[in-house]
Structures are given as structure tokens and as C-alpha cells.
N, C-alpha and C. Protein backbone atom coordinates (compact mmCIF):
# COMPACT_ATOMS: atom_id res chain seq x y z
N MET A 1 -255.89 4.95 -48.22
CA MET A 1 -256.39 5.45 -46.93
C MET A 1 -256.30 4.35 -45.87
N PHE A 2 -256.78 3.15 -46.24
CA PHE A 2 -256.77 2.04 -45.28
C PHE A 2 -255.34 1.61 -44.97
N LYS A 3 -254.50 1.53 -46.01
CA LYS A 3 -253.10 1.12 -45.79
C LYS A 3 -252.37 2.12 -44.91
N GLN A 4 -252.63 3.40 -45.11
CA GLN A 4 -251.97 4.42 -44.28
C GLN A 4 -252.40 4.28 -42.83
N GLY A 5 -253.66 3.91 -42.62
CA GLY A 5 -254.15 3.71 -41.26
C GLY A 5 -253.43 2.55 -40.59
N LEU A 6 -253.25 1.45 -41.34
CA LEU A 6 -252.52 0.31 -40.79
C LEU A 6 -251.09 0.69 -40.47
N LYS A 7 -250.48 1.49 -41.35
CA LYS A 7 -249.09 1.91 -41.14
C LYS A 7 -248.98 2.73 -39.86
N THR A 8 -249.95 3.63 -39.64
CA THR A 8 -249.93 4.46 -38.44
C THR A 8 -250.11 3.60 -37.19
N MET A 9 -251.02 2.62 -37.26
CA MET A 9 -251.25 1.73 -36.13
C MET A 9 -249.99 0.93 -35.82
N GLY A 10 -249.29 0.49 -36.87
CA GLY A 10 -248.05 -0.27 -36.69
C GLY A 10 -247.00 0.56 -35.97
N ILE A 11 -246.86 1.83 -36.39
CA ILE A 11 -245.87 2.71 -35.77
C ILE A 11 -246.24 2.94 -34.30
N LEU A 12 -247.52 3.17 -34.03
CA LEU A 12 -247.96 3.37 -32.64
C LEU A 12 -247.70 2.12 -31.82
N GLY A 13 -247.92 0.96 -32.42
CA GLY A 13 -247.68 -0.30 -31.71
C GLY A 13 -246.22 -0.44 -31.32
N VAL A 14 -245.32 -0.08 -32.25
CA VAL A 14 -243.88 -0.17 -31.98
C VAL A 14 -243.51 0.77 -30.84
N ILE A 15 -244.06 1.99 -30.88
CA ILE A 15 -243.75 2.98 -29.83
C ILE A 15 -244.23 2.47 -28.48
N VAL A 16 -245.43 1.90 -28.44
CA VAL A 16 -245.97 1.37 -27.18
C VAL A 16 -245.07 0.25 -26.65
N CYS A 17 -244.62 -0.64 -27.56
CA CYS A 17 -243.73 -1.74 -27.14
C CYS A 17 -242.44 -1.19 -26.55
N ILE A 18 -241.88 -0.16 -27.19
CA ILE A 18 -240.62 0.42 -26.71
C ILE A 18 -240.83 1.05 -25.33
N LEU A 19 -241.91 1.80 -25.18
CA LEU A 19 -242.19 2.44 -23.89
C LEU A 19 -242.42 1.39 -22.81
N TYR A 20 -243.13 0.31 -23.16
CA TYR A 20 -243.42 -0.76 -22.20
C TYR A 20 -242.12 -1.43 -21.77
N SER A 21 -241.24 -1.71 -22.73
CA SER A 21 -239.95 -2.33 -22.42
C SER A 21 -239.11 -1.40 -21.55
N SER A 22 -239.13 -0.12 -21.87
CA SER A 22 -238.34 0.86 -21.11
C SER A 22 -238.82 0.91 -19.66
N SER A 23 -240.13 0.87 -19.46
CA SER A 23 -240.67 0.93 -18.10
C SER A 23 -240.29 -0.34 -17.33
N LEU A 24 -240.27 -1.48 -18.00
CA LEU A 24 -239.88 -2.73 -17.34
C LEU A 24 -238.42 -2.67 -16.93
N PHE A 25 -237.57 -2.18 -17.83
CA PHE A 25 -236.14 -2.09 -17.52
C PHE A 25 -235.91 -1.07 -16.40
N ALA A 26 -236.73 -0.03 -16.36
CA ALA A 26 -236.57 0.99 -15.33
C ALA A 26 -236.88 0.40 -13.95
N GLN A 27 -237.84 -0.52 -13.90
CA GLN A 27 -238.20 -1.15 -12.63
C GLN A 27 -237.12 -2.15 -12.19
N GLY A 28 -236.38 -2.69 -13.16
CA GLY A 28 -235.34 -3.67 -12.82
C GLY A 28 -235.70 -5.04 -13.37
N PRO A 29 -235.04 -5.49 -14.42
CA PRO A 29 -235.37 -6.76 -15.09
C PRO A 29 -234.92 -7.98 -14.29
N ASP A 30 -234.10 -7.80 -13.25
CA ASP A 30 -233.54 -8.94 -12.52
C ASP A 30 -234.36 -9.27 -11.27
N THR A 31 -235.57 -8.75 -11.17
CA THR A 31 -236.39 -9.05 -10.00
C THR A 31 -237.22 -10.30 -10.27
């Protein structure tokens, strides 16, 4: 149960990182 919770948190963390990176690139990384 605990391990599955950590796994879910890890997946959510990866998704958040990807969305955050995408938003940064959308604004323009060369500014």
C-alpha cells in the first residue's frame, strides 16, 4: 500500500515536471 502510494507520487511528480517544462518552453526559453 505504501509503496504504491510512493509510485503514484513519483508519476505525478514526473507529470508536473513535464508540464512545468512545457510551460517554460511555451513562454520562450531564450528570454
